Structure formats: structure tokens, C-alpha cells
Amino acid sequence: LGEALALGASHGLDRQAMLDVVSASAVASPLLGYKAASVAARDYAPAFPARLMAKDFDLILAAARRTGTPLPLAAQLGEACRAMEARGDGEADFFKIVELAGAAAGPDATGAGER
């Protein structure tokens, strides 16, 4: 979702319109339905802090290592949660992870100025 929002913003698309399209598409999920309004408003008041999500990924990955089960996507998400902590966003809601893609892509991809 974060990468889709960053790509759309870099092309001047409206954040709310992008969220409406994604929410009505095949990749929509109950979680997105629950979080879409906060993502549109960039309101990441914590329902579940990123630091706790990072801890949970650490536990999941430790369990996977015990059985030799590779979880590359879980490892990437765990690192993204750690990146949020490093940015000072450890207490923000974990869903602020969508902002990392925009931040990584540069100012034209953040959508902060909405064209």
C-alpha cells in the first residue's frame, strides 16, 4: 500500500482517490477498510504501536529459525518496523509503515503537498 501511494503521489494522484480505488479492489482487506481513513488523514495515533509489532516479528522470526522455516517477507516487515523505531515512530501505529515507501522515494512521492 505504501509503495502504491508513493507511486501515485509521484504522478500527482490524490491520496484519497488512490485509497478509494485500492479499498474497492481485489487487494482490499478488512484491515485496510479499518485503517483507510487514518491513512488518508495521516493520523497514526497508536491502536497498536510499531515497537510492539517489531517485537512480535522478532518472536515470529525466532520461532521460524528454530524449525528452519524461511520467512523473508516477515523479516522485511520486521526490519521496516525497526526502521520506524529508528525514525522515532516506535509509538506510532504500526500502519504508519505505509509512509516509509514515500519517505524512501523522496519528496515527490510523499503526497504531502497533494497536487
PDB file of N, CA and C in Angstrom:
ATOM      1  N   LEU A   1       0.836  -1.187   0.000  1.00  0.00           N
ATOM      2  CA  LEU A   1       0.000   0.000   0.000  1.00  0.00           C
ATOM      3  C   LEU A   1       0.878   1.247   0.000  1.00  0.00           C
ATOM      4  N   GLY A   2       1.911   1.252   0.835  1.00  0.00           N
ATOM      5  CA  GLY A   2       2.793   2.398   0.885  1.00  0.00           C
ATOM      6  C   GLY A   2       3.451   2.671  -0.452  1.00  0.00           C
ATOM      7  N   GLU A   3       3.887   1.623  -1.128  1.00  0.00           N
ATOM      8  CA  GLU A   3       4.515   1.804  -2.432  1.00  0.00           C
ATOM      9  C   GLU A   3       3.503   2.285  -3.460  1.00  0.00           C
ATOM     10  N   ALA A   4       2.294   1.781  -3.411  1.00  0.00           N
ATOM     11  CA  ALA A   4       1.250   2.240  -4.336  1.00  0.00           C
ATOM     12  C   ALA A   4       0.947   3.718  -4.109  1.00  0.00           C
ATOM     13  N   LEU A   5       0.858   4.126  -2.840  1.00  0.00           N
ATOM     14  CA  LEU A   5       0.596   5.535  -2.535  1.00  0.00           C
ATOM     15  C   LEU A   5       1.758   6.414  -2.988  1.00  0.00           C
ATOM     16  N   ALA A   6       2.991   5.938  -2.792  1.00  0.00           N
ATOM     17  CA  ALA A   6       4.160   6.707  -3.219  1.00  0.00           C
ATOM     18  C   ALA A   6       4.186   6.857  -4.745  1.00  0.00           C
ATOM     19  N   LEU A   7       3.905   5.779  -5.462  1.00  0.00           N
ATOM     20  CA  LEU A   7       3.892   5.835  -6.922  1.00  0.00           C
ATOM     21  C   LEU A   7       2.807   6.792  -7.406  1.00  0.00           C
ATOM     22  N   GLY A   8       1.620   6.662  -6.853  1.00  0.00           N
ATOM     23  CA  GLY A   8       0.527   7.551  -7.250  1.00  0.00           C
ATOM     24  C   GLY A   8       0.838   9.004  -6.952  1.00  0.00           C
ATOM     25  N   ALA A   9       1.385   9.274  -5.763  1.00  0.00           N
ATOM     26  CA  ALA A   9       1.721  10.648  -5.389  1.00  0.00           C
ATOM     27  C   ALA A   9       2.779  11.223  -6.318  1.00  0.00           C
ATOM     28  N   SER A  10       3.740  10.393  -6.723  1.00  0.00           N
ATOM     29  CA  SER A  10       4.792  10.886  -7.620  1.00  0.00           C
ATOM     30  C   SER A  10       4.235  11.247  -8.990  1.00  0.00           C
ATOM     31  N   HIS A  11       3.037  10.739  -9.301  1.00  0.00           N
ATOM     32  CA  HIS A  11       2.366  11.071 -10.564  1.00  0.00           C
ATOM     33  C   HIS A  11       1.240  12.077 -10.356  1.00  0.00           C
ATOM     34  N   GLY A  12       1.177  12.644  -9.140  1.00  0.00           N
ATOM     35  CA  GLY A  12       0.195  13.694  -8.872  1.00  0.00           C
ATOM     36  C   GLY A  12      -1.199  13.205  -8.544  1.00  0.00           C
ATOM     37  N   LEU A  13      -1.374  11.921  -8.252  1.00  0.00           N
ATOM     38  CA  LEU A  13      -2.701  11.411  -7.931  1.00  0.00           C
ATOM     39  C   LEU A  13      -3.108  11.775  -6.502  1.00  0.00           C
ATOM     40  N   ASP A  14      -4.385  11.961  -6.303  1.00  0.00           N
ATOM     41  CA  ASP A  14      -4.943  12.302  -4.997  1.00  0.00           C
ATOM     42  C   ASP A  14      -4.910  11.090  -4.065  1.00  0.00           C
ATOM     43  N   ARG A  15      -4.417  11.287  -2.856  1.00  0.00           N
ATOM     44  CA  ARG A  15      -4.271  10.204  -1.871  1.00  0.00           C
ATOM     45  C   ARG A  15      -5.610   9.538  -1.570  1.00  0.00           C
ATOM     46  N   GLN A  16      -6.645  10.315  -1.329  1.00  0.00           N
ATOM     47  CA  GLN A  16      -7.956   9.743  -1.008  1.00  0.00           C
ATOM     48  C   GLN A  16      -8.498   8.933  -2.181  1.00  0.00           C
ATOM     49  N   ALA A  17      -8.324   9.428  -3.393  1.00  0.00           N
ATOM     50  CA  ALA A  17      -8.792   8.686  -4.573  1.00  0.00           C
ATOM     51  C   ALA A  17      -8.061   7.355  -4.693  1.00  0.00           C
ATOM     52  N   MET A  18      -6.736   7.379  -4.439  1.00  0.00           N
ATOM     53  CA  MET A  18      -5.978   6.126  -4.500  1.00  0.00           C
ATOM     54  C   MET A  18      -6.475   5.140  -3.445  1.00  0.00           C
ATOM     55  N   LEU A  19      -6.720   5.633  -2.235  1.00  0.00           N
ATOM     56  CA  LEU A  19      -7.219   4.745  -1.183  1.00  0.00           C
ATOM     57  C   LEU A  19      -8.589   4.185  -1.535  1.00  0.00           C
ATOM     58  N   ASP A  20      -9.436   5.003  -2.141  1.00  0.00           N
ATOM     59  CA  ASP A  20     -10.764   4.526  -2.559  1.00  0.00           C
ATOM     60  C   ASP A  20     -10.644   3.409  -3.589  1.00  0.00           C
ATOM     61  N   VAL A  21      -9.742   3.578  -4.545  1.00  0.00           N
ATOM     62  CA  VAL A  21      -9.556   2.561  -5.589  1.00  0.00           C
ATOM     63  C   VAL A  21      -9.020   1.267  -4.986  1.00  0.00           C
ATOM     64  N   VAL A  22      -7.974   1.381  -4.169  1.00  0.00           N
ATOM     65  CA  VAL A  22      -7.386   0.175  -3.566  1.00  0.00           C
ATOM     66  C   VAL A  22      -8.399  -0.513  -2.658  1.00  0.00           C
ATOM     67  N   SER A  23      -9.169   0.269  -1.913  1.00  0.00           N
ATOM     68  CA  SER A  23     -10.161  -0.307  -0.995  1.00  0.00           C
ATOM     69  C   SER A  23     -11.271  -1.062  -1.719  1.00  0.00           C
ATOM     70  N   ALA A  24     -11.499  -0.718  -2.979  1.00  0.00           N
ATOM     71  CA  ALA A  24     -12.540  -1.382  -3.763  1.00  0.00           C
ATOM     72  C   ALA A  24     -11.973  -2.442  -4.702  1.00  0.00           C
ATOM     73  N   SER A  25     -10.686  -2.736  -4.570  1.00  0.00           N
ATOM     74  CA  SER A  25     -10.047  -3.667  -5.496  1.00  0.00           C
ATOM     75  C   SER A  25      -9.895  -5.063  -4.882  1.00  0.00           C
ATOM     76  N   ALA A  26      -9.289  -5.940  -5.658  1.00  0.00           N
ATOM     77  CA  ALA A  26      -9.072  -7.313  -5.208  1.00  0.00           C
ATOM     78  C   ALA A  26      -8.072  -7.399  -4.062  1.00  0.00           C
ATOM     79  N   VAL A  27      -7.245  -6.386  -3.867  1.00  0.00           N
ATOM     80  CA  VAL A  27      -6.267  -6.424  -2.782  1.00  0.00           C
ATOM     81  C   VAL A  27      -6.778  -5.769  -1.502  1.00  0.00           C
ATOM     82  N   ALA A  28      -8.028  -5.357  -1.508  1.00  0.00           N
ATOM     83  CA  ALA A  28      -8.615  -4.761  -0.306  1.00  0.00           C
ATOM     84  C   ALA A  28      -8.670  -5.805   0.808  1.00  0.00           C
ATOM     85  N   SER A  29      -8.646  -5.317   2.030  1.00  0.00           N
ATOM     86  CA  SER A  29      -8.718  -6.220   3.168  1.00  0.00           C
ATOM     87  C   SER A  29      -9.515  -5.534   4.271  1.00  0.00           C
ATOM     88  N   PRO A  30     -10.007  -6.303   5.225  1.00  0.00           N
ATOM     89  CA  PRO A  30     -10.696  -5.669   6.359  1.00  0.00           C
ATOM     90  C   PRO A  30      -9.788  -4.675   7.091  1.00  0.00           C
ATOM     91  N   LEU A  31      -8.501  -4.976   7.164  1.00  0.00           N
ATOM     92  CA  LEU A  31      -7.573  -4.063   7.838  1.00  0.00           C
ATOM     93  C   LEU A  31      -7.496  -2.733   7.092  1.00  0.00           C
ATOM     94  N   LEU A  32      -7.414  -2.776   5.777  1.00  0.00           N
ATOM     95  CA  LEU A  32      -7.385  -1.536   5.010  1.00  0.00           C
ATOM     96  C   LEU A  32      -8.680  -0.759   5.204  1.00  0.00           C
ATOM     97  N   GLY A  33      -9.809  -1.460   5.223  1.00  0.00           N
ATOM     98  CA  GLY A  33     -11.077  -0.786   5.472  1.00  0.00           C
ATOM     99  C   GLY A  33     -11.081  -0.066   6.808  1.00  0.00           C
ATOM    100  N   TYR A  34     -10.467  -0.685   7.789  1.00  0.00           N
ATOM    101  CA  TYR A  34     -10.381  -0.119   9.129  1.00  0.00           C
ATOM    102  C   TYR A  34      -9.411   1.052   9.201  1.00  0.00           C
ATOM    103  N   LYS A  35      -8.335   0.994   8.413  1.00  0.00           N
ATOM    104  CA  LYS A  35      -7.260   1.983   8.506  1.00  0.00           C
ATOM    105  C   LYS A  35      -7.289   3.050   7.417  1.00  0.00           C
ATOM    106  N   ALA A  36      -8.102   2.919   6.373  1.00  0.00           N
ATOM    107  CA  ALA A  36      -8.061   3.838   5.237  1.00  0.00           C
ATOM    108  C   ALA A  36      -8.251   5.297   5.646  1.00  0.00           C
ATOM    109  N   ALA A  37      -9.177   5.574   6.527  1.00  0.00           N
ATOM    110  CA  ALA A  37      -9.418   6.968   6.933  1.00  0.00           C
ATOM    111  C   ALA A  37      -8.209   7.548   7.653  1.00  0.00           C
ATOM    112  N   SER A  38      -7.557   6.764   8.501  1.00  0.00           N
ATOM    113  CA  SER A  38      -6.379   7.284   9.206  1.00  0.00           C
ATOM    114  C   SER A  38      -5.214   7.473   8.245  1.00  0.00           C
ATOM    115  N   VAL A  39      -5.075   6.604   7.246  1.00  0.00           N
ATOM    116  CA  VAL A  39      -4.012   6.763   6.254  1.00  0.00           C
ATOM    117  C   VAL A  39      -4.274   8.024   5.430  1.00  0.00           C
ATOM    118  N   ALA A  40      -5.515   8.242   5.025  1.00  0.00           N
ATOM    119  CA  ALA A  40      -5.854   9.430   4.250  1.00  0.00           C
ATOM    120  C   ALA A  40      -5.544  10.699   5.031  1.00  0.00           C
ATOM    121  N   ALA A  41      -5.816  10.677   6.319  1.00  0.00           N
ATOM    122  CA  ALA A  41      -5.590  11.850   7.171  1.00  0.00           C
ATOM    123  C   ALA A  41      -4.173  11.905   7.740  1.00  0.00           C
ATOM    124  N   ARG A  42      -3.396  10.865   7.476  1.00  0.00           N
ATOM    125  CA  ARG A  42      -2.057  10.740   8.068  1.00  0.00           C
ATOM    126  C   ARG A  42      -2.140  10.826   9.603  1.00  0.00           C
ATOM    127  N   ASP A  43      -3.142  10.176  10.139  1.00  0.00           N
ATOM    128  CA  ASP A  43      -3.352  10.134  11.589  1.00  0.00           C
ATOM    129  C   ASP A  43      -2.968   8.740  12.064  1.00  0.00           C
ATOM    130  N   TYR A  44      -1.829   8.653  12.717  1.00  0.00           N
ATOM    131  CA  TYR A  44      -1.318   7.360  13.147  1.00  0.00           C
ATOM    132  C   TYR A  44      -1.286   7.248  14.660  1.00  0.00           C
ATOM    133  N   ALA A  45      -2.356   7.739  15.296  1.00  0.00           N
ATOM    134  CA  ALA A  45      -2.489   7.554  16.736  1.00  0.00           C
ATOM    135  C   ALA A  45      -2.460   6.050  16.993  1.00  0.00           C
ATOM    136  N   PRO A  46      -1.709   5.628  17.982  1.00  0.00           N
ATOM    137  CA  PRO A  46      -1.486   4.186  18.107  1.00  0.00           C
ATOM    138  C   PRO A  46      -2.688   3.387  18.593  1.00  0.00           C
ATOM    139  N   ALA A  47      -3.105   2.461  17.733  1.00  0.00           N
ATOM    140  CA  ALA A  47      -4.006   1.402  18.168  1.00  0.00           C
ATOM    141  C   ALA A  47      -3.124   0.213  18.562  1.00  0.00           C
ATOM    142  N   PHE A  48      -2.018   0.061  17.820  1.00  0.00           N
ATOM    143  CA  PHE A  48      -1.009  -0.960  18.119  1.00  0.00           C
ATOM    144  C   PHE A  48       0.333  -0.379  17.703  1.00  0.00           C
ATOM    145  N   PRO A  49       1.173   0.023  18.664  1.00  0.00           N
ATOM    146  CA  PRO A  49       2.426   0.706  18.351  1.00  0.00           C
ATOM    147  C   PRO A  49       3.398  -0.143  17.527  1.00  0.00           C
ATOM    148  N   ALA A  50       4.137   0.534  16.669  1.00  0.00           N
ATOM    149  CA  ALA A  50       5.120  -0.130  15.813  1.00  0.00           C
ATOM    150  C   ALA A  50       6.159  -0.887  16.626  1.00  0.00           C
ATOM    151  N   ARG A  51       6.537  -0.368  17.801  1.00  0.00           N
ATOM    152  CA  ARG A  51       7.548  -1.058  18.612  1.00  0.00           C
ATOM    153  C   ARG A  51       7.048  -2.427  19.058  1.00  0.00           C
ATOM    154  N   LEU A  52       5.751  -2.554  19.308  1.00  0.00           N
ATOM    155  CA  LEU A  52       5.195  -3.861  19.682  1.00  0.00           C
ATOM    156  C   LEU A  52       5.111  -4.785  18.473  1.00  0.00           C
ATOM    157  N   MET A  53       4.818  -4.213  17.304  1.00  0.00           N
ATOM    158  CA  MET A  53       4.798  -5.025  16.082  1.00  0.00           C
ATOM    159  C   MET A  53       6.203  -5.551  15.805  1.00  0.00           C
ATOM    160  N   ALA A  54       7.230  -4.713  16.015  1.00  0.00           N
ATOM    161  CA  ALA A  54       8.622  -5.153  15.814  1.00  0.00           C
ATOM    162  C   ALA A  54       8.948  -6.306  16.760  1.00  0.00           C
ATOM    163  N   LYS A  55       8.522  -6.188  18.008  1.00  0.00           N
ATOM    164  CA  LYS A  55       8.749  -7.259  18.994  1.00  0.00           C
ATOM    165  C   LYS A  55       8.064  -8.540  18.537  1.00  0.00           C
ATOM    166  N   ASP A  56       6.835  -8.428  18.040  1.00  0.00           N
ATOM    167  CA  ASP A  56       6.119  -9.615  17.575  1.00  0.00           C
ATOM    168  C   ASP A  56       6.822 -10.271  16.392  1.00  0.00           C
ATOM    169  N   PHE A  57       7.338  -9.455  15.470  1.00  0.00           N
ATOM    170  CA  PHE A  57       8.088 -10.029  14.353  1.00  0.00           C
ATOM    171  C   PHE A  57       9.350 -10.718  14.846  1.00  0.00           C
ATOM    172  N   ASP A  58      10.007 -10.163  15.864  1.00  0.00           N
ATOM    173  CA  ASP A  58      11.182 -10.826  16.442  1.00  0.00           C
ATOM    174  C   ASP A  58      10.801 -12.213  16.968  1.00  0.00           C
ATOM    175  N   LEU A  59       9.669 -12.307  17.648  1.00  0.00           N
ATOM    176  CA  LEU A  59       9.216 -13.594  18.184  1.00  0.00           C
ATOM    177  C   LEU A  59       8.872 -14.578  17.062  1.00  0.00           C
ATOM    178  N   ILE A  60       8.198 -14.084  16.040  1.00  0.00           N
ATOM    179  CA  ILE A  60       7.827 -14.933  14.904  1.00  0.00           C
ATOM    180  C   ILE A  60       9.080 -15.467  14.214  1.00  0.00           C
ATOM    181  N   LEU A  61      10.039 -14.580  13.981  1.00  0.00           N
ATOM    182  CA  LEU A  61      11.261 -14.989  13.285  1.00  0.00           C
ATOM    183  C   LEU A  61      12.107 -15.933  14.123  1.00  0.00           C
ATOM    184  N   ALA A  62      12.099 -15.751  15.446  1.00  0.00           N
ATOM    185  CA  ALA A  62      12.824 -16.682  16.325  1.00  0.00           C
ATOM    186  C   ALA A  62      12.206 -18.071  16.242  1.00  0.00           C
ATOM    187  N   ALA A  63      10.874 -18.132  16.225  1.00  0.00           N
ATOM    188  CA  ALA A  63      10.194 -19.425  16.103  1.00  0.00           C
ATOM    189  C   ALA A  63      10.501 -20.061  14.751  1.00  0.00           C
ATOM    190  N   ALA A  64      10.545 -19.266  13.711  1.00  0.00           N
ATOM    191  CA  ALA A  64      10.844 -19.787  12.378  1.00  0.00           C
ATOM    192  C   ALA A  64      12.270 -20.327  12.302  1.00  0.00           C
ATOM    193  N   ARG A  65      13.197 -19.644  12.935  1.00  0.00           N
ATOM    194  CA  ARG A  65      14.599 -20.120  12.929  1.00  0.00           C
ATOM    195  C   ARG A  65      14.726 -21.473  13.611  1.00  0.00           C
ATOM    196  N   ARG A  66      13.932 -21.696  14.667  1.00  0.00           N
ATOM    197  CA  ARG A  66      14.014 -22.980  15.380  1.00  0.00           C
ATOM    198  C   ARG A  66      13.654 -24.157  14.493  1.00  0.00           C
ATOM    199  N   THR A  67      12.810 -23.943  13.508  1.00  0.00           N
ATOM    200  CA  THR A  67      12.417 -25.035  12.614  1.00  0.00           C
ATOM    201  C   THR A  67      13.024 -24.904  11.223  1.00  0.00           C
ATOM    202  N   GLY A  68      13.856 -23.878  11.036  1.00  0.00           N
ATOM    203  CA  GLY A  68      14.467 -23.680   9.731  1.00  0.00           C
ATOM    204  C   GLY A  68      13.488 -23.214   8.670  1.00  0.00           C
ATOM    205  N   THR A  69      12.411 -22.574   9.093  1.00  0.00           N
ATOM    206  CA  THR A  69      11.392 -22.099   8.159  1.00  0.00           C
ATOM    207  C   THR A  69      11.736 -20.691   7.683  1.00  0.00           C
ATOM    208  N   PRO A  70      11.978 -20.523   6.395  1.00  0.00           N
ATOM    209  CA  PRO A  70      12.293 -19.179   5.903  1.00  0.00           C
ATOM    210  C   PRO A  70      11.038 -18.316   5.830  1.00  0.00           C
ATOM    211  N   LEU A  71      11.150 -17.105   6.354  1.00  0.00           N
ATOM    212  CA  LEU A  71      10.058 -16.140   6.305  1.00  0.00           C
ATOM    213  C   LEU A  71      10.609 -14.794   5.818  1.00  0.00           C
ATOM    214  N   PRO A  72      11.005 -14.707   4.554  1.00  0.00           N
ATOM    215  CA  PRO A  72      11.651 -13.488   4.074  1.00  0.00           C
ATOM    216  C   PRO A  72      10.768 -12.248   4.148  1.00  0.00           C
ATOM    217  N   LEU A  73       9.496 -12.371   3.888  1.00  0.00           N
ATOM    218  CA  LEU A  73       8.620 -11.197   3.957  1.00  0.00           C
ATOM    219  C   LEU A  73       8.431 -10.742   5.398  1.00  0.00           C
ATOM    220  N   ALA A  74       8.312 -11.680   6.309  1.00  0.00           N
ATOM    221  CA  ALA A  74       8.202 -11.317   7.727  1.00  0.00           C
ATOM    222  C   ALA A  74       9.475 -10.614   8.188  1.00  0.00           C
ATOM    223  N   ALA A  75      10.635 -11.076   7.705  1.00  0.00           N
ATOM    224  CA  ALA A  75      11.898 -10.435   8.066  1.00  0.00           C
ATOM    225  C   ALA A  75      11.936  -8.998   7.542  1.00  0.00           C
ATOM    226  N   GLN A  76      11.473  -8.791   6.318  1.00  0.00           N
ATOM    227  CA  GLN A  76      11.444  -7.434   5.764  1.00  0.00           C
ATOM    228  C   GLN A  76      10.495  -6.533   6.551  1.00  0.00           C
ATOM    229  N   LEU A  77       9.346  -7.045   6.907  1.00  0.00           N
ATOM    230  CA  LEU A  77       8.398  -6.239   7.672  1.00  0.00           C
ATOM    231  C   LEU A  77       8.925  -5.939   9.069  1.00  0.00           C
ATOM    232  N   GLY A  78       9.596  -6.903   9.663  1.00  0.00           N
ATOM    233  CA  GLY A  78      10.198  -6.665  10.964  1.00  0.00           C
ATOM    234  C   GLY A  78      11.231  -5.553  10.894  1.00  0.00           C
ATOM    235  N   GLU A  79      12.042  -5.570   9.835  1.00  0.00           N
ATOM    236  CA  GLU A  79      13.038  -4.519   9.650  1.00  0.00           C
ATOM    237  C   GLU A  79      12.375  -3.173   9.386  1.00  0.00           C
ATOM    238  N   ALA A  80      11.264  -3.176   8.677  1.00  0.00           N
ATOM    239  CA  ALA A  80      10.541  -1.920   8.442  1.00  0.00           C
ATOM    240  C   ALA A  80      10.018  -1.352   9.756  1.00  0.00           C
ATOM    241  N   CYS A  81       9.557  -2.214  10.637  1.00  0.00           N
ATOM    242  CA  CYS A  81       9.118  -1.751  11.957  1.00  0.00           C
ATOM    243  C   CYS A  81      10.293  -1.206  12.750  1.00  0.00           C
ATOM    244  N   ARG A  82      11.447  -1.832  12.615  1.00  0.00           N
ATOM    245  CA  ARG A  82      12.661  -1.324  13.270  1.00  0.00           C
ATOM    246  C   ARG A  82      13.047   0.034  12.685  1.00  0.00           C
ATOM    247  N   ALA A  83      12.874   0.198  11.379  1.00  0.00           N
ATOM    248  CA  ALA A  83      13.157   1.490  10.744  1.00  0.00           C
ATOM    249  C   ALA A  83      12.227   2.566  11.295  1.00  0.00           C
ATOM    250  N   MET A  84      10.986   2.194  11.545  1.00  0.00           N
ATOM    251  CA  MET A  84      10.056   3.161  12.146  1.00  0.00           C
ATOM    252  C   MET A  84      10.559   3.591  13.519  1.00  0.00           C
ATOM    253  N   GLU A  85      11.016   2.616  14.296  1.00  0.00           N
ATOM    254  CA  GLU A  85      11.561   2.947  15.613  1.00  0.00           C
ATOM    255  C   GLU A  85      12.761   3.876  15.487  1.00  0.00           C
ATOM    256  N   ALA A  86      13.638   3.596  14.534  1.00  0.00           N
ATOM    257  CA  ALA A  86      14.837   4.409  14.341  1.00  0.00           C
ATOM    258  C   ALA A  86      14.484   5.840  13.939  1.00  0.00           C
ATOM    259  N   ARG A  87      13.364   5.996  13.235  1.00  0.00           N
ATOM    260  CA  ARG A  87      12.897   7.330  12.834  1.00  0.00           C
ATOM    261  C   ARG A  87      12.174   8.055  13.961  1.00  0.00           C
ATOM    262  N   GLY A  88      12.008   7.379  15.088  1.00  0.00           N
ATOM    263  CA  GLY A  88      11.280   7.993  16.196  1.00  0.00           C
ATOM    264  C   GLY A  88       9.791   7.722  16.162  1.00  0.00           C
ATOM    265  N   ASP A  89       9.372   6.760  15.346  1.00  0.00           N
ATOM    266  CA  ASP A  89       7.950   6.434  15.197  1.00  0.00           C
ATOM    267  C   ASP A  89       7.559   5.135  15.887  1.00  0.00           C
ATOM    268  N   GLY A  90       8.331   4.703  16.866  1.00  0.00           N
ATOM    269  CA  GLY A  90       8.039   3.445  17.549  1.00  0.00           C
ATOM    270  C   GLY A  90       6.714   3.439  18.293  1.00  0.00           C
ATOM    271  N   GLU A  91       6.265   4.605  18.723  1.00  0.00           N
ATOM    272  CA  GLU A  91       4.985   4.691  19.434  1.00  0.00           C
ATOM    273  C   GLU A  91       3.820   4.963  18.496  1.00  0.00           C
ATOM    274  N   ALA A  92       4.100   5.275  17.234  1.00  0.00           N
ATOM    275  CA  ALA A  92       3.028   5.488  16.253  1.00  0.00           C
ATOM    276  C   ALA A  92       2.385   4.152  15.920  1.00  0.00           C
ATOM    277  N   ASP A  93       1.179   4.206  15.403  1.00  0.00           N
ATOM    278  CA  ASP A  93       0.507   2.983  14.982  1.00  0.00           C
ATOM    279  C   ASP A  93       1.336   2.280  13.912  1.00  0.00           C
ATOM    280  N   PHE A  94       1.368   0.963  13.978  1.00  0.00           N
ATOM    281  CA  PHE A  94       2.166   0.173  13.035  1.00  0.00           C
ATOM    282  C   PHE A  94       1.810   0.463  11.590  1.00  0.00           C
ATOM    283  N   PHE A  95       0.603   0.916  11.333  1.00  0.00           N
ATOM    284  CA  PHE A  95       0.181   1.128   9.950  1.00  0.00           C
ATOM    285  C   PHE A  95       0.863   2.338   9.322  1.00  0.00           C
ATOM    286  N   LYS A  96       1.578   3.114  10.130  1.00  0.00           N
ATOM    287  CA  LYS A  96       2.356   4.226   9.571  1.00  0.00           C
ATOM    288  C   LYS A  96       3.472   3.692   8.682  1.00  0.00           C
ATOM    289  N   ILE A  97       3.638   2.401   8.675  1.00  0.00           N
ATOM    290  CA  ILE A  97       4.616   1.757   7.801  1.00  0.00           C
ATOM    291  C   ILE A  97       4.379   2.159   6.344  1.00  0.00           C
ATOM    292  N   VAL A  98       3.143   2.491   5.989  1.00  0.00           N
ATOM    293  CA  VAL A  98       2.867   2.893   4.604  1.00  0.00           C
ATOM    294  C   VAL A  98       3.624   4.161   4.232  1.00  0.00           C
ATOM    295  N   GLU A  99       4.007   4.969   5.207  1.00  0.00           N
ATOM    296  CA  GLU A  99       4.725   6.211   4.934  1.00  0.00           C
ATOM    297  C   GLU A  99       6.198   5.971   4.609  1.00  0.00           C
ATOM    298  N   LEU A 100       6.739   4.814   4.984  1.00  0.00           N
ATOM    299  CA  LEU A 100       8.158   4.538   4.722  1.00  0.00           C
ATOM    300  C   LEU A 100       8.471   4.542   3.231  1.00  0.00           C
ATOM    301  N   ALA A 101       7.569   4.006   2.419  1.00  0.00           N
ATOM    302  CA  ALA A 101       7.811   3.951   0.975  1.00  0.00           C
ATOM    303  C   ALA A 101       7.884   5.354   0.395  1.00  0.00           C
ATOM    304  N   GLY A 102       6.998   6.216   0.811  1.00  0.00           N
ATOM    305  CA  GLY A 102       7.031   7.592   0.331  1.00  0.00           C
ATOM    306  C   GLY A 102       8.283   8.306   0.775  1.00  0.00           C
ATOM    307  N   ALA A 103       8.683   8.101   2.014  1.00  0.00           N
ATOM    308  CA  ALA A 103       9.892   8.742   2.528  1.00  0.00           C
ATOM    309  C   ALA A 103      11.121   8.256   1.758  1.00  0.00           C
ATOM    310  N   ALA A 104      11.162   6.976   1.451  1.00  0.00           N
ATOM    311  CA  ALA A 104      12.297   6.416   0.719  1.00  0.00           C
ATOM    312  C   ALA A 104      12.336   6.895  -0.729  1.00  0.00           C
ATOM    313  N   ALA A 105      11.165   7.148  -1.300  1.00  0.00           N
ATOM    314  CA  ALA A 105      11.098   7.537  -2.701  1.00  0.00           C
ATOM    315  C   ALA A 105      11.364   9.027  -2.924  1.00  0.00           C
ATOM    316  N   GLY A 106      11.322   9.805  -1.870  1.00  0.00           N
ATOM    317  CA  GLY A 106      11.628  11.220  -1.995  1.00  0.00           C
ATOM    318  C   GLY A 106      10.414  12.112  -1.877  1.00  0.00           C
ATOM    319  N   PRO A 107      10.653  13.426  -1.907  1.00  0.00           N
ATOM    320  CA  PRO A 107       9.578  14.378  -1.606  1.00  0.00           C
ATOM    321  C   PRO A 107       8.421  14.341  -2.600  1.00  0.00           C
ATOM    322  N   ASP A 108       8.656  14.018  -3.868  1.00  0.00           N
ATOM    323  CA  ASP A 108       7.561  13.977  -4.825  1.00  0.00           C
ATOM    324  C   ASP A 108       6.642  12.782  -4.602  1.00  0.00           C
ATOM    325  N   ALA A 109       7.089  11.789  -3.831  1.00  0.00           N
ATOM    326  CA  ALA A 109       6.307  10.578  -3.624  1.00  0.00           C
ATOM    327  C   ALA A 109       5.605  10.549  -2.273  1.00  0.00           C
ATOM    328  N   THR A 110       5.772  11.581  -1.471  1.00  0.00           N
ATOM    329  CA  THR A 110       5.125  11.572  -0.155  1.00  0.00           C
ATOM    330  C   THR A 110       3.669  11.953  -0.245  1.00  0.00           C
ATOM    331  N   GLY A 111       3.312  12.729  -1.265  1.00  0.00           N
ATOM    332  CA  GLY A 111       1.930  13.161  -1.387  1.00  0.00           C
ATOM    333  C   GLY A 111       1.546  14.230  -0.393  1.00  0.00           C
ATOM    334  N   ALA A 112       2.509  14.735   0.354  1.00  0.00           N
ATOM    335  CA  ALA A 112       2.210  15.713   1.394  1.00  0.00           C
ATOM    336  C   ALA A 112       1.645  16.999   0.812  1.00  0.00           C
ATOM    337  N   GLY A 113       2.066  17.365  -0.390  1.00  0.00           N
ATOM    338  CA  GLY A 113       1.588  18.601  -0.984  1.00  0.00           C
ATOM    339  C   GLY A 113       0.370  18.409  -1.861  1.00  0.00           C
ATOM    340  N   GLU A 114      -0.063  17.194  -2.071  1.00  0.00           N
ATOM    341  CA  GLU A 114      -1.207  16.859  -2.921  1.00  0.00           C
ATOM    342  C   GLU A 114      -1.388  17.856  -4.063  1.00  0.00           C
ATOM    343  N   ARG A 115      -1.137  17.391  -5.237  1.00  0.00           N
ATOM    344  CA  ARG A 115      -1.318  18.251  -6.418  1.00  0.00           C
ATOM    345  C   ARG A 115      -2.723  18.167  -6.904  1.00  0.00           C
TER     346      ARG A 115
END
